Amino acid sequence: MHAVEGHEIQAWVTRLAGAIEFRVWDPSHAPPVVPKADFDAEDGRGLMMVRSLASGGCGYRHLDGGLGKVVWARLAL
């Protein structure tokens, strides 16, 4: 799932010194939100899981020129 239904997303996986970095771009400017998932819900836990597993940090940034945002997470090796 991504922020703008029906729009393209792009994803990258990069090996860094001591970490693997995952990045996802989408055209939305809305910040990623970690919802409080209902215990019985079948969705709503993705960002929570990413934050928990991102031992090298995580975050997002808006791109210059209004070209959307990139959400990133690093998994330390």
N, C-alpha and C. Protein backbone atom coordinates (compact mmCIF):
# COMPACT_ATOMS: atom_id res chain seq x y z
N MET A 1 0.86 -1.18 0.00
CA MET A 1 0.00 0.00 0.00
C MET A 1 0.90 1.23 0.00
N HIS A 2 0.45 2.25 -0.65
CA HIS A 2 1.21 3.49 -0.63
C HIS A 2 0.25 4.66 -0.56
N ALA A 3 0.82 5.84 -0.42
CA ALA A 3 0.02 7.00 -0.05
C ALA A 3 -0.94 7.49 -1.13
N VAL A 4 -0.63 7.32 -2.40
CA VAL A 4 -1.49 7.82 -3.46
C VAL A 4 -1.97 6.65 -4.30
N GLU A 5 -3.20 6.27 -4.11
CA GLU A 5 -3.79 5.12 -4.81
C GLU A 5 -3.69 5.31 -6.32
N GLY A 6 -3.21 4.30 -7.02
CA GLY A 6 -3.15 4.33 -8.46
C GLY A 6 -1.93 5.02 -9.05
N HIS A 7 -1.04 5.54 -8.22
CA HIS A 7 0.17 6.20 -8.71
C HIS A 7 1.37 5.27 -8.59
N GLU A 8 2.35 5.57 -9.40
CA GLU A 8 3.59 4.81 -9.41
C GLU A 8 4.35 4.98 -8.10
N ILE A 9 5.03 3.91 -7.68
CA ILE A 9 6.01 3.99 -6.61
C ILE A 9 7.30 3.42 -7.16
N GLN A 10 8.41 3.73 -6.52
CA GLN A 10 9.71 3.16 -6.88
C GLN A 10 10.37 2.70 -5.61
N ALA A 11 11.14 1.63 -5.71
CA ALA A 11 11.82 1.08 -4.53
C ALA A 11 13.25 0.73 -4.88
N TRP A 12 14.14 0.90 -3.90
CA TRP A 12 15.55 0.58 -4.05
C TRP A 12 16.04 -0.17 -2.83
N VAL A 13 16.99 -1.04 -3.06
CA VAL A 13 17.71 -1.72 -1.97
C VAL A 13 19.19 -1.51 -2.27
N THR A 14 19.92 -0.95 -1.29
CA THR A 14 21.33 -0.61 -1.49
C THR A 14 22.15 -1.16 -0.34
N ARG A 15 23.28 -1.75 -0.67
CA ARG A 15 24.20 -2.20 0.38
C ARG A 15 25.15 -1.06 0.70
N LEU A 16 25.21 -0.69 1.96
CA LEU A 16 26.11 0.34 2.47
C LEU A 16 27.16 -0.31 3.34
N ALA A 17 28.11 0.45 3.79
CA ALA A 17 29.10 -0.08 4.73
C ALA A 17 28.40 -0.42 6.03
N GLY A 18 28.23 -1.69 6.33
CA GLY A 18 27.63 -2.13 7.58
C GLY A 18 26.12 -2.12 7.64
N ALA A 19 25.44 -1.91 6.51
CA ALA A 19 23.97 -1.86 6.54
C ALA A 19 23.39 -2.13 5.15
N ILE A 20 22.12 -2.46 5.14
CA ILE A 20 21.32 -2.52 3.92
C ILE A 20 20.29 -1.41 4.05
N GLU A 21 20.15 -0.59 3.01
CA GLU A 21 19.17 0.49 3.04
C GLU A 21 18.05 0.20 2.06
N PHE A 22 16.83 0.36 2.54
CA PHE A 22 15.62 0.20 1.73
C PHE A 22 15.00 1.57 1.58
N ARG A 23 14.66 1.96 0.34
CA ARG A 23 14.02 3.25 0.09
C ARG A 23 12.81 3.04 -0.80
N VAL A 24 11.75 3.77 -0.52
CA VAL A 24 10.54 3.74 -1.33
C VAL A 24 10.12 5.19 -1.59
N TRP A 25 9.92 5.51 -2.88
CA TRP A 25 9.45 6.83 -3.28
C TRP A 25 7.98 6.74 -3.68
N ASP A 26 7.22 7.77 -3.33
CA ASP A 26 5.88 7.93 -3.87
C ASP A 26 5.63 9.42 -4.08
N PRO A 27 4.64 9.78 -4.92
CA PRO A 27 4.43 11.18 -5.26
C PRO A 27 3.72 12.01 -4.19
N SER A 28 3.32 11.41 -3.11
CA SER A 28 2.59 12.13 -2.07
C SER A 28 3.54 12.94 -1.19
N HIS A 29 3.02 14.06 -0.66
CA HIS A 29 3.78 14.83 0.32
C HIS A 29 3.34 14.52 1.75
N ALA A 30 2.32 13.68 1.89
CA ALA A 30 1.82 13.33 3.22
C ALA A 30 2.88 12.52 3.95
N PRO A 31 3.17 12.86 5.20
CA PRO A 31 4.16 12.09 5.96
C PRO A 31 3.64 10.68 6.25
N PRO A 32 4.56 9.72 6.36
CA PRO A 32 4.12 8.37 6.73
C PRO A 32 3.58 8.40 8.16
N VAL A 33 2.52 7.67 8.39
CA VAL A 33 1.88 7.64 9.71
C VAL A 33 1.81 6.19 10.18
N VAL A 34 2.25 5.96 11.42
CA VAL A 34 2.14 4.64 12.03
C VAL A 34 0.81 4.60 12.77
N PRO A 35 -0.19 3.93 12.20
CA PRO A 35 -1.50 3.91 12.86
C PRO A 35 -1.51 2.97 14.05
N LYS A 36 -2.45 3.18 14.93
CA LYS A 36 -2.67 2.21 16.01
C LYS A 36 -3.55 1.12 15.44
N ALA A 37 -2.95 -0.03 15.19
CA ALA A 37 -3.69 -1.13 14.56
C ALA A 37 -4.58 -1.82 15.58
N ASP A 38 -5.81 -2.03 15.18
CA ASP A 38 -6.74 -2.81 15.97
C ASP A 38 -6.19 -4.24 16.06
N PHE A 39 -6.32 -4.88 17.19
CA PHE A 39 -5.79 -6.23 17.40
C PHE A 39 -6.26 -7.20 16.32
N ASP A 40 -7.49 -7.07 15.87
CA ASP A 40 -8.05 -7.98 14.88
C ASP A 40 -7.87 -7.50 13.43
N ALA A 41 -7.26 -6.33 13.23
CA ALA A 41 -7.11 -5.78 11.89
C ALA A 41 -6.15 -6.63 11.06
N GLU A 42 -6.40 -6.69 9.76
CA GLU A 42 -5.53 -7.44 8.85
C GLU A 42 -4.48 -6.55 8.20
N ASP A 43 -4.46 -5.28 8.51
CA ASP A 43 -3.45 -4.37 7.97
C ASP A 43 -3.14 -3.30 9.00
N GLY A 44 -2.26 -2.37 8.64
CA GLY A 44 -1.95 -1.27 9.54
C GLY A 44 -0.72 -1.49 10.42
N ARG A 45 0.08 -2.52 10.13
CA ARG A 45 1.25 -2.81 10.95
C ARG A 45 2.57 -2.66 10.22
N GLY A 46 2.53 -2.35 8.92
CA GLY A 46 3.75 -2.31 8.11
C GLY A 46 4.81 -1.34 8.62
N LEU A 47 4.43 -0.07 8.81
CA LEU A 47 5.41 0.92 9.28
C LEU A 47 5.87 0.62 10.70
N MET A 48 5.00 0.07 11.53
CA MET A 48 5.40 -0.31 12.88
C MET A 48 6.47 -1.39 12.82
N MET A 49 6.30 -2.36 11.93
CA MET A 49 7.28 -3.43 11.79
C MET A 49 8.60 -2.89 11.24
N VAL A 50 8.52 -2.00 10.24
CA VAL A 50 9.74 -1.40 9.69
C VAL A 50 10.49 -0.66 10.78
N ARG A 51 9.80 0.16 11.56
CA ARG A 51 10.44 0.92 12.63
C ARG A 51 11.10 -0.02 13.66
N SER A 52 10.43 -1.11 13.99
CA SER A 52 10.97 -2.06 14.97
C SER A 52 12.21 -2.78 14.45
N LEU A 53 12.24 -3.08 13.15
CA LEU A 53 13.34 -3.85 12.57
C LEU A 53 14.48 -2.99 12.04
N ALA A 54 14.27 -1.69 11.90
CA ALA A 54 15.28 -0.81 11.31
C ALA A 54 16.37 -0.49 12.32
N SER A 55 17.27 -1.43 12.52
CA SER A 55 18.32 -1.28 13.53
C SER A 55 19.33 -0.20 13.15
N GLY A 56 19.34 0.26 11.91
CA GLY A 56 20.24 1.32 11.48
C GLY A 56 19.53 2.65 11.29
N GLY A 57 18.28 2.77 11.71
CA GLY A 57 17.53 4.01 11.61
C GLY A 57 16.49 3.97 10.51
N CYS A 58 15.58 4.93 10.52
CA CYS A 58 14.55 5.05 9.50
C CYS A 58 14.01 6.47 9.50
N GLY A 59 13.36 6.84 8.43
CA GLY A 59 12.80 8.17 8.34
C GLY A 59 12.24 8.44 6.97
N TYR A 60 12.02 9.72 6.68
CA TYR A 60 11.54 10.12 5.36
C TYR A 60 12.01 11.53 5.09
N ARG A 61 12.01 11.90 3.80
CA ARG A 61 12.33 13.26 3.41
C ARG A 61 11.54 13.62 2.17
N HIS A 62 11.17 14.89 2.09
CA HIS A 62 10.51 15.41 0.88
C HIS A 62 11.59 15.73 -0.14
N LEU A 63 11.28 15.51 -1.41
CA LEU A 63 12.23 15.80 -2.46
C LEU A 63 12.08 17.24 -2.93
N ASP A 64 13.18 17.85 -3.32
CA ASP A 64 13.16 19.22 -3.83
C ASP A 64 12.27 19.30 -5.07
N GLY A 65 11.63 20.42 -5.24
CA GLY A 65 10.79 20.63 -6.41
C GLY A 65 9.41 20.01 -6.30
N GLY A 66 9.01 19.55 -5.11
CA GLY A 66 7.67 19.00 -4.93
C GLY A 66 7.47 17.67 -5.60
N LEU A 67 8.51 16.85 -5.67
CA LEU A 67 8.44 15.58 -6.38
C LEU A 67 8.12 14.40 -5.47
N GLY A 68 7.41 14.62 -4.39
CA GLY A 68 7.02 13.54 -3.50
C GLY A 68 7.98 13.36 -2.35
N LYS A 69 8.03 12.11 -1.84
CA LYS A 69 8.88 11.83 -0.69
C LYS A 69 9.53 10.46 -0.85
N VAL A 70 10.60 10.27 -0.07
CA VAL A 70 11.27 8.97 0.02
C VAL A 70 11.23 8.54 1.47
N VAL A 71 10.73 7.34 1.71
CA VAL A 71 10.74 6.73 3.05
C VAL A 71 11.88 5.73 3.03
N TRP A 72 12.72 5.73 4.08
CA TRP A 72 13.88 4.87 4.10
C TRP A 72 14.03 4.15 5.44
N ALA A 73 14.71 3.03 5.40
CA ALA A 73 15.02 2.27 6.61
C ALA A 73 16.34 1.54 6.38
N ARG A 74 17.15 1.43 7.42
CA ARG A 74 18.42 0.72 7.34
C ARG A 74 18.43 -0.46 8.31
N LEU A 75 18.91 -1.55 7.81
CA LEU A 75 19.09 -2.75 8.62
C LEU A 75 20.58 -2.94 8.79
N ALA A 76 21.06 -2.73 10.03
CA ALA A 76 22.49 -2.87 10.30
C ALA A 76 22.91 -4.32 10.14
N LEU A 77 24.08 -4.53 9.55
CA LEU A 77 24.60 -5.89 9.36
C LEU A 77 25.52 -6.29 10.50
